[in-house]
Amino acid sequence: IVLVGSIFERRMNGVYHNTAVVFERDGSL
């Protein structure tokens, strides 16, 4: 399936995001 999830992302020390992630049917981001 194509899947849209949501992650509290740590991009680097001190920089964080509210990030949606999208995965293809083969599991690739």
PDB file of all heavy atoms in Angstrom:
ATOM      1  N   ILE A   1       0.843  -1.201   0.000  1.00  0.00           N
ATOM      2  CA  ILE A   1       0.000   0.000   0.000  1.00  0.00           C
ATOM      3  C   ILE A   1       0.876   1.248   0.000  1.00  0.00           C
ATOM      4  O   ILE A   1       2.042   1.202   0.393  1.00  0.00           O
ATOM      5  CB  ILE A   1      -0.918   0.042   1.241  1.00  0.00           C
ATOM      6  CG1 ILE A   1      -0.083   0.003   2.531  1.00  0.00           C
ATOM      7  CG2 ILE A   1      -1.938  -1.089   1.195  1.00  0.00           C
ATOM      8  CD1 ILE A   1      -0.881   0.246   3.794  1.00  0.00           C
ATOM      9  N   VAL A   2       0.307   2.347  -0.444  1.00  0.00           N
ATOM     10  CA  VAL A   2       0.918   3.656  -0.222  1.00  0.00           C
ATOM     11  C   VAL A   2       0.434   4.128   1.142  1.00  0.00           C
ATOM     12  O   VAL A   2      -0.765   4.093   1.436  1.00  0.00           O
ATOM     13  CB  VAL A   2       0.535   4.651  -1.333  1.00  0.00           C
ATOM     14  CG1 VAL A   2       1.084   6.042  -1.019  1.00  0.00           C
ATOM     15  CG2 VAL A   2       1.048   4.161  -2.687  1.00  0.00           C
ATOM     16  N   LEU A   3       1.372   4.545   1.978  1.00  0.00           N
ATOM     17  CA  LEU A   3       1.066   4.867   3.375  1.00  0.00           C
ATOM     18  C   LEU A   3       1.594   6.248   3.728  1.00  0.00           C
ATOM     19  O   LEU A   3       2.763   6.562   3.483  1.00  0.00           O
ATOM     20  CB  LEU A   3       1.707   3.817   4.289  1.00  0.00           C
ATOM     21  CG  LEU A   3       1.563   4.007   5.804  1.00  0.00           C
ATOM     22  CD1 LEU A   3       0.097   3.975   6.216  1.00  0.00           C
ATOM     23  CD2 LEU A   3       2.346   2.920   6.549  1.00  0.00           C
ATOM     24  N   VAL A   4       0.719   7.070   4.324  1.00  0.00           N
ATOM     25  CA  VAL A   4       1.106   8.389   4.825  1.00  0.00           C
ATOM     26  C   VAL A   4       1.088   8.339   6.345  1.00  0.00           C
ATOM     27  O   VAL A   4       0.047   8.084   6.959  1.00  0.00           O
ATOM     28  CB  VAL A   4       0.152   9.492   4.319  1.00  0.00           C
ATOM     29  CG1 VAL A   4       0.588  10.861   4.850  1.00  0.00           C
ATOM     30  CG2 VAL A   4       0.106   9.501   2.789  1.00  0.00           C
ATOM     31  N   GLY A   5       2.248   8.554   6.959  1.00  0.00           N
ATOM     32  CA  GLY A   5       2.377   8.558   8.410  1.00  0.00           C
ATOM     33  C   GLY A   5       2.833   9.909   8.914  1.00  0.00           C
ATOM     34  O   GLY A   5       3.017  10.859   8.137  1.00  0.00           O
ATOM     35  N   SER A   6       3.025  10.009  10.223  1.00  0.00           N
ATOM     36  CA  SER A   6       3.379  11.289  10.847  1.00  0.00           C
ATOM     37  C   SER A   6       4.417  11.051  11.932  1.00  0.00           C
ATOM     38  O   SER A   6       4.263  10.148  12.757  1.00  0.00           O
ATOM     39  CB  SER A   6       2.126  11.942  11.442  1.00  0.00           C
ATOM     40  OG  SER A   6       2.437  13.161  12.084  1.00  0.00           O
ATOM     41  N   ILE A   7       5.463  11.868  11.929  1.00  0.00           N
ATOM     42  CA  ILE A   7       6.593  11.665  12.835  1.00  0.00           C
ATOM     43  C   ILE A   7       7.024  12.994  13.444  1.00  0.00           C
ATOM     44  O   ILE A   7       7.056  14.028  12.769  1.00  0.00           O
ATOM     45  CB  ILE A   7       7.769  11.017  12.074  1.00  0.00           C
ATOM     46  CG1 ILE A   7       7.415   9.571  11.709  1.00  0.00           C
ATOM     47  CG2 ILE A   7       9.064  11.070  12.872  1.00  0.00           C
ATOM     48  CD1 ILE A   7       8.433   8.876  10.868  1.00  0.00           C
ATOM     49  N   PHE A   8       7.338  12.968  14.732  1.00  0.00           N
ATOM     50  CA  PHE A   8       8.026  14.083  15.390  1.00  0.00           C
ATOM     51  C   PHE A   8       9.495  13.917  15.021  1.00  0.00           C
ATOM     52  O   PHE A   8      10.199  13.081  15.571  1.00  0.00           O
ATOM     53  CB  PHE A   8       7.796  14.004  16.896  1.00  0.00           C
ATOM     54  CG  PHE A   8       8.431  15.107  17.704  1.00  0.00           C
ATOM     55  CD1 PHE A   8       8.809  16.320  17.153  1.00  0.00           C
ATOM     56  CD2 PHE A   8       8.648  14.917  19.075  1.00  0.00           C
ATOM     57  CE1 PHE A   8       9.389  17.326  17.912  1.00  0.00           C
ATOM     58  CE2 PHE A   8       9.220  15.914  19.850  1.00  0.00           C
ATOM     59  CZ  PHE A   8       9.600  17.114  19.269  1.00  0.00           C
ATOM     60  N   GLU A   9       9.929  14.712  14.057  1.00  0.00           N
ATOM     61  CA  GLU A   9      11.249  14.510  13.439  1.00  0.00           C
ATOM     62  C   GLU A   9      12.346  15.303  14.137  1.00  0.00           C
ATOM     63  O   GLU A   9      12.210  16.504  14.361  1.00  0.00           O
ATOM     64  CB  GLU A   9      11.205  14.917  11.965  1.00  0.00           C
ATOM     65  CG  GLU A   9      12.549  14.730  11.262  1.00  0.00           C
ATOM     66  CD  GLU A   9      12.641  15.406   9.905  1.00  0.00           C
ATOM     67  OE1 GLU A   9      11.676  16.089   9.501  1.00  0.00           O
ATOM     68  OE2 GLU A   9      13.693  15.264   9.247  1.00  0.00           O
ATOM     69  N   ARG A  10      13.449  14.620  14.430  1.00  0.00           N
ATOM     70  CA  ARG A  10      14.675  15.289  14.860  1.00  0.00           C
ATOM     71  C   ARG A  10      15.570  15.433  13.640  1.00  0.00           C
ATOM     72  O   ARG A  10      16.190  14.490  13.178  1.00  0.00           O
ATOM     73  CB  ARG A  10      15.400  14.472  15.931  1.00  0.00           C
ATOM     74  CG  ARG A  10      16.656  15.170  16.454  1.00  0.00           C
ATOM     75  CD  ARG A  10      17.465  14.250  17.360  1.00  0.00           C
ATOM     76  NE  ARG A  10      18.588  14.943  17.983  1.00  0.00           N
ATOM     77  CZ  ARG A  10      19.765  15.180  17.391  1.00  0.00           C
ATOM     78  NH1 ARG A  10      19.972  14.768  16.134  1.00  0.00           N
ATOM     79  NH2 ARG A  10      20.725  15.825  18.029  1.00  0.00           N
ATOM     80  N   ARG A  11      15.592  16.648  13.082  1.00  0.00           N
ATOM     81  CA  ARG A  11      16.393  16.894  11.877  1.00  0.00           C
ATOM     82  C   ARG A  11      17.863  17.065  12.214  1.00  0.00           C
ATOM     83  O   ARG A  11      18.743  16.598  11.505  1.00  0.00           O
ATOM     84  CB  ARG A  11      15.861  18.133  11.160  1.00  0.00           C
ATOM     85  CG  ARG A  11      16.445  18.369   9.785  1.00  0.00           C
ATOM     86  CD  ARG A  11      15.736  19.535   9.130  1.00  0.00           C
ATOM     87  NE  ARG A  11      16.194  19.814   7.784  1.00  0.00           N
ATOM     88  CZ  ARG A  11      15.759  20.832   7.046  1.00  0.00           C
ATOM     89  NH1 ARG A  11      14.814  21.640   7.540  1.00  0.00           N
ATOM     90  NH2 ARG A  11      16.225  21.027   5.832  1.00  0.00           N
ATOM     91  N   MET A  12      18.110  17.763  13.306  1.00  0.00           N
ATOM     92  CA  MET A  12      19.456  17.905  13.854  1.00  0.00           C
ATOM     93  C   MET A  12      19.295  18.418  15.273  1.00  0.00           C
ATOM     94  O   MET A  12      18.182  18.717  15.712  1.00  0.00           O
ATOM     95  CB  MET A  12      20.315  18.878  13.030  1.00  0.00           C
ATOM     96  CG  MET A  12      19.806  20.313  13.022  1.00  0.00           C
ATOM     97  SD  MET A  12      20.958  21.496  12.269  1.00  0.00           S
ATOM     98  CE  MET A  12      22.310  21.481  13.443  1.00  0.00           C
ATOM     99  N   ASN A  13      20.376  18.515  16.006  1.00  0.00           N
ATOM    100  CA  ASN A  13      20.319  19.018  17.370  1.00  0.00           C
ATOM    101  C   ASN A  13      19.687  20.407  17.399  1.00  0.00           C
ATOM    102  O   ASN A  13      20.212  21.346  16.810  1.00  0.00           O
ATOM    103  CB  ASN A  13      21.729  19.059  17.964  1.00  0.00           C
ATOM    104  CG  ASN A  13      21.725  19.444  19.431  1.00  0.00           C
ATOM    105  OD1 ASN A  13      20.735  19.244  20.118  1.00  0.00           O
ATOM    106  ND2 ASN A  13      22.827  20.003  19.904  1.00  0.00           N
ATOM    107  N   GLY A  14      18.542  20.525  18.053  1.00  0.00           N
ATOM    108  CA  GLY A  14      17.872  21.816  18.186  1.00  0.00           C
ATOM    109  C   GLY A  14      16.899  22.149  17.080  1.00  0.00           C
ATOM    110  O   GLY A  14      16.240  23.193  17.143  1.00  0.00           O
ATOM    111  N   VAL A  15      16.780  21.300  16.056  1.00  0.00           N
ATOM    112  CA  VAL A  15      15.842  21.551  14.959  1.00  0.00           C
ATOM    113  C   VAL A  15      14.938  20.335  14.815  1.00  0.00           C
ATOM    114  O   VAL A  15      15.395  19.244  14.447  1.00  0.00           O
ATOM    115  CB  VAL A  15      16.564  21.832  13.629  1.00  0.00           C
ATOM    116  CG1 VAL A  15      15.547  22.054  12.504  1.00  0.00           C
ATOM    117  CG2 VAL A  15      17.469  23.053  13.761  1.00  0.00           C
ATOM    118  N   TYR A  16      13.657  20.543  15.125  1.00  0.00           N
ATOM    119  CA  TYR A  16      12.672  19.468  15.126  1.00  0.00           C
ATOM    120  C   TYR A  16      11.490  19.886  14.258  1.00  0.00           C
ATOM    121  O   TYR A  16      11.152  21.063  14.184  1.00  0.00           O
ATOM    122  CB  TYR A  16      12.182  19.181  16.548  1.00  0.00           C
ATOM    123  CG  TYR A  16      13.298  18.865  17.518  1.00  0.00           C
ATOM    124  CD1 TYR A  16      14.005  19.889  18.160  1.00  0.00           C
ATOM    125  CD2 TYR A  16      13.645  17.546  17.809  1.00  0.00           C
ATOM    126  CE1 TYR A  16      15.023  19.597  19.054  1.00  0.00           C
ATOM    127  CE2 TYR A  16      14.666  17.239  18.701  1.00  0.00           C
ATOM    128  CZ  TYR A  16      15.353  18.277  19.318  1.00  0.00           C
ATOM    129  OH  TYR A  16      16.368  17.994  20.203  1.00  0.00           O
ATOM    130  N   HIS A  17      10.869  18.908  13.627  1.00  0.00           N
ATOM    131  CA  HIS A  17       9.749  19.191  12.736  1.00  0.00           C
ATOM    132  C   HIS A  17       8.573  18.268  13.017  1.00  0.00           C
ATOM    133  O   HIS A  17       8.738  17.153  13.517  1.00  0.00           O
ATOM    134  CB  HIS A  17      10.154  18.991  11.266  1.00  0.00           C
ATOM    135  CG  HIS A  17      11.206  19.920  10.770  1.00  0.00           C
ATOM    136  ND1 HIS A  17      10.965  21.229  10.431  1.00  0.00           N
ATOM    137  CD2 HIS A  17      12.531  19.716  10.529  1.00  0.00           C
ATOM    138  CE1 HIS A  17      12.084  21.797  10.011  1.00  0.00           C
ATOM    139  NE2 HIS A  17      13.050  20.893  10.059  1.00  0.00           N
ATOM    140  N   ASN A  18       7.404  18.731  12.614  1.00  0.00           N
ATOM    141  CA  ASN A  18       6.187  17.924  12.555  1.00  0.00           C
ATOM    142  C   ASN A  18       6.094  17.455  11.105  1.00  0.00           C
ATOM    143  O   ASN A  18       5.728  18.230  10.219  1.00  0.00           O
ATOM    144  CB  ASN A  18       4.986  18.780  12.955  1.00  0.00           C
ATOM    145  CG  ASN A  18       3.703  18.001  13.059  1.00  0.00           C
ATOM    146  OD1 ASN A  18       3.515  16.996  12.398  1.00  0.00           O
ATOM    147  ND2 ASN A  18       2.796  18.494  13.885  1.00  0.00           N
ATOM    148  N   THR A  19       6.421  16.201  10.857  1.00  0.00           N
ATOM    149  CA  THR A  19       6.713  15.747   9.503  1.00  0.00           C
ATOM    150  C   THR A  19       5.817  14.592   9.076  1.00  0.00           C
ATOM    151  O   THR A  19       5.691  13.591   9.782  1.00  0.00           O
ATOM    152  CB  THR A  19       8.189  15.305   9.410  1.00  0.00           C
ATOM    153  OG1 THR A  19       9.030  16.407   9.784  1.00  0.00           O
ATOM    154  CG2 THR A  19       8.543  14.855   8.002  1.00  0.00           C
ATOM    155  N   ALA A  20       5.206  14.744   7.905  1.00  0.00           N
ATOM    156  CA  ALA A  20       4.486  13.643   7.274  1.00  0.00           C
ATOM    157  C   ALA A  20       5.451  12.882   6.378  1.00  0.00           C
ATOM    158  O   ALA A  20       6.266  13.484   5.668  1.00  0.00           O
ATOM    159  CB  ALA A  20       3.312  14.176   6.452  1.00  0.00           C
ATOM    160  N   VAL A  21       5.369  11.557   6.429  1.00  0.00           N
ATOM    161  CA  VAL A  21       6.223  10.689   5.617  1.00  0.00           C
ATOM    162  C   VAL A  21       5.339   9.866   4.688  1.00  0.00           C
ATOM    163  O   VAL A  21       4.255   9.426   5.078  1.00  0.00           O
ATOM    164  CB  VAL A  21       7.092   9.768   6.497  1.00  0.00           C
ATOM    165  CG1 VAL A  21       8.201  10.556   7.171  1.00  0.00           C
ATOM    166  CG2 VAL A  21       6.256   9.053   7.565  1.00  0.00           C
ATOM    167  N   VAL A  22       5.799   9.663   3.468  1.00  0.00           N
ATOM    168  CA  VAL A  22       5.012   8.924   2.472  1.00  0.00           C
ATOM    169  C   VAL A  22       5.833   7.748   1.968  1.00  0.00           C
ATOM    170  O   VAL A  22       6.959   7.931   1.479  1.00  0.00           O
ATOM    171  CB  VAL A  22       4.598   9.832   1.300  1.00  0.00           C
ATOM    172  CG1 VAL A  22       3.781   9.041   0.275  1.00  0.00           C
ATOM    173  CG2 VAL A  22       3.814  11.038   1.799  1.00  0.00           C
ATOM    174  N   PHE A  23       5.255   6.556   2.078  1.00  0.00           N
ATOM    175  CA  PHE A  23       5.922   5.330   1.653  1.00  0.00           C
ATOM    176  C   PHE A  23       5.185   4.721   0.467  1.00  0.00           C
ATOM    177  O   PHE A  23       3.950   4.665   0.440  1.00  0.00           O
ATOM    178  CB  PHE A  23       5.978   4.317   2.802  1.00  0.00           C
ATOM    179  CG  PHE A  23       6.775   4.812   3.971  1.00  0.00           C
ATOM    180  CD1 PHE A  23       6.143   5.441   5.043  1.00  0.00           C
ATOM    181  CD2 PHE A  23       8.157   4.690   3.995  1.00  0.00           C
ATOM    182  CE1 PHE A  23       6.878   5.925   6.112  1.00  0.00           C
ATOM    183  CE2 PHE A  23       8.892   5.181   5.059  1.00  0.00           C
ATOM    184  CZ  PHE A  23       8.264   5.801   6.115  1.00  0.00           C
ATOM    185  N   GLU A  24       5.976   4.241  -0.478  1.00  0.00           N
ATOM    186  CA  GLU A  24       5.428   3.585  -1.661  1.00  0.00           C
ATOM    187  C   GLU A  24       5.074   2.137  -1.343  1.00  0.00           C
ATOM    188  O   GLU A  24       5.376   1.618  -0.267  1.00  0.00           O
ATOM    189  CB  GLU A  24       6.454   3.686  -2.798  1.00  0.00           C
ATOM    190  CG  GLU A  24       6.018   3.257  -4.174  1.00  0.00           C
ATOM    191  CD  GLU A  24       4.689   3.829  -4.628  1.00  0.00           C
ATOM    192  OE1 GLU A  24       4.659   4.917  -5.252  1.00  0.00           O
ATOM    193  OE2 GLU A  24       3.670   3.145  -4.368  1.00  0.00           O
ATOM    194  N   ARG A  25       4.456   1.454  -2.301  1.00  0.00           N
ATOM    195  CA  ARG A  25       3.992   0.088  -2.099  1.00  0.00           C
ATOM    196  C   ARG A  25       5.121  -0.908  -1.854  1.00  0.00           C
ATOM    197  O   ARG A  25       4.885  -1.977  -1.302  1.00  0.00           O
ATOM    198  CB  ARG A  25       3.155  -0.367  -3.304  1.00  0.00           C
ATOM    199  CG  ARG A  25       1.818   0.365  -3.397  1.00  0.00           C
ATOM    200  CD  ARG A  25       0.986  -0.107  -4.562  1.00  0.00           C
ATOM    201  NE  ARG A  25       1.591   0.269  -5.829  1.00  0.00           N
ATOM    202  CZ  ARG A  25       1.033   0.012  -7.017  1.00  0.00           C
ATOM    203  NH1 ARG A  25      -0.136  -0.622  -7.076  1.00  0.00           N
ATOM    204  NH2 ARG A  25       1.616   0.390  -8.130  1.00  0.00           N
ATOM    205  N   ASP A  26       6.333  -0.551  -2.267  1.00  0.00           N
ATOM    206  CA  ASP A  26       7.478  -1.423  -1.985  1.00  0.00           C
ATOM    207  C   ASP A  26       8.174  -1.060  -0.673  1.00  0.00           C
ATOM    208  O   ASP A  26       9.210  -1.634  -0.335  1.00  0.00           O
ATOM    209  CB  ASP A  26       8.486  -1.384  -3.135  1.00  0.00           C
ATOM    210  CG  ASP A  26       9.070   0.016  -3.363  1.00  0.00           C
ATOM    211  OD1 ASP A  26       8.695   0.967  -2.616  1.00  0.00           O
ATOM    212  OD2 ASP A  26       9.896   0.165  -4.276  1.00  0.00           O
ATOM    213  N   GLY A  27       7.608  -0.119   0.069  1.00  0.00           N
ATOM    214  CA  GLY A  27       8.175   0.294   1.345  1.00  0.00           C
ATOM    215  C   GLY A  27       9.180   1.420   1.257  1.00  0.00           C
ATOM    216  O   GLY A  27       9.660   1.896   2.292  1.00  0.00           O
ATOM    217  N   SER A  28       9.510   1.875   0.055  1.00  0.00           N
ATOM    218  CA  SER A  28      10.483   2.959  -0.075  1.00  0.00           C
ATOM    219  C   SER A  28       9.873   4.291   0.353  1.00  0.00           C
ATOM    220  O   SER A  28       8.685   4.545   0.148  1.00  0.00           O
ATOM    221  CB  SER A  28      10.984   3.052  -1.517  1.00  0.00           C
ATOM    222  OG  SER A  28       9.905   3.311  -2.404  1.00  0.00           O
ATOM    223  N   LEU A  29      10.705   5.129   0.954  1.00  0.00           N
ATOM    224  CA  LEU A  29      10.292   6.480   1.334  1.00  0.00           C
ATOM    225  C   LEU A  29      10.354   7.352   0.083  1.00  0.00           C
ATOM    226  O   LEU A  29      11.441   7.582  -0.473  1.00  0.00           O
ATOM    227  CB  LEU A  29      11.209   7.036   2.424  1.00  0.00           C
ATOM    228  CG  LEU A  29      10.924   8.461   2.891  1.00  0.00           C
ATOM    229  CD1 LEU A  29       9.583   8.558   3.594  1.00  0.00           C
ATOM    230  CD2 LEU A  29      12.043   8.956   3.820  1.00  0.00           C
TER     231      LEU A  29
END
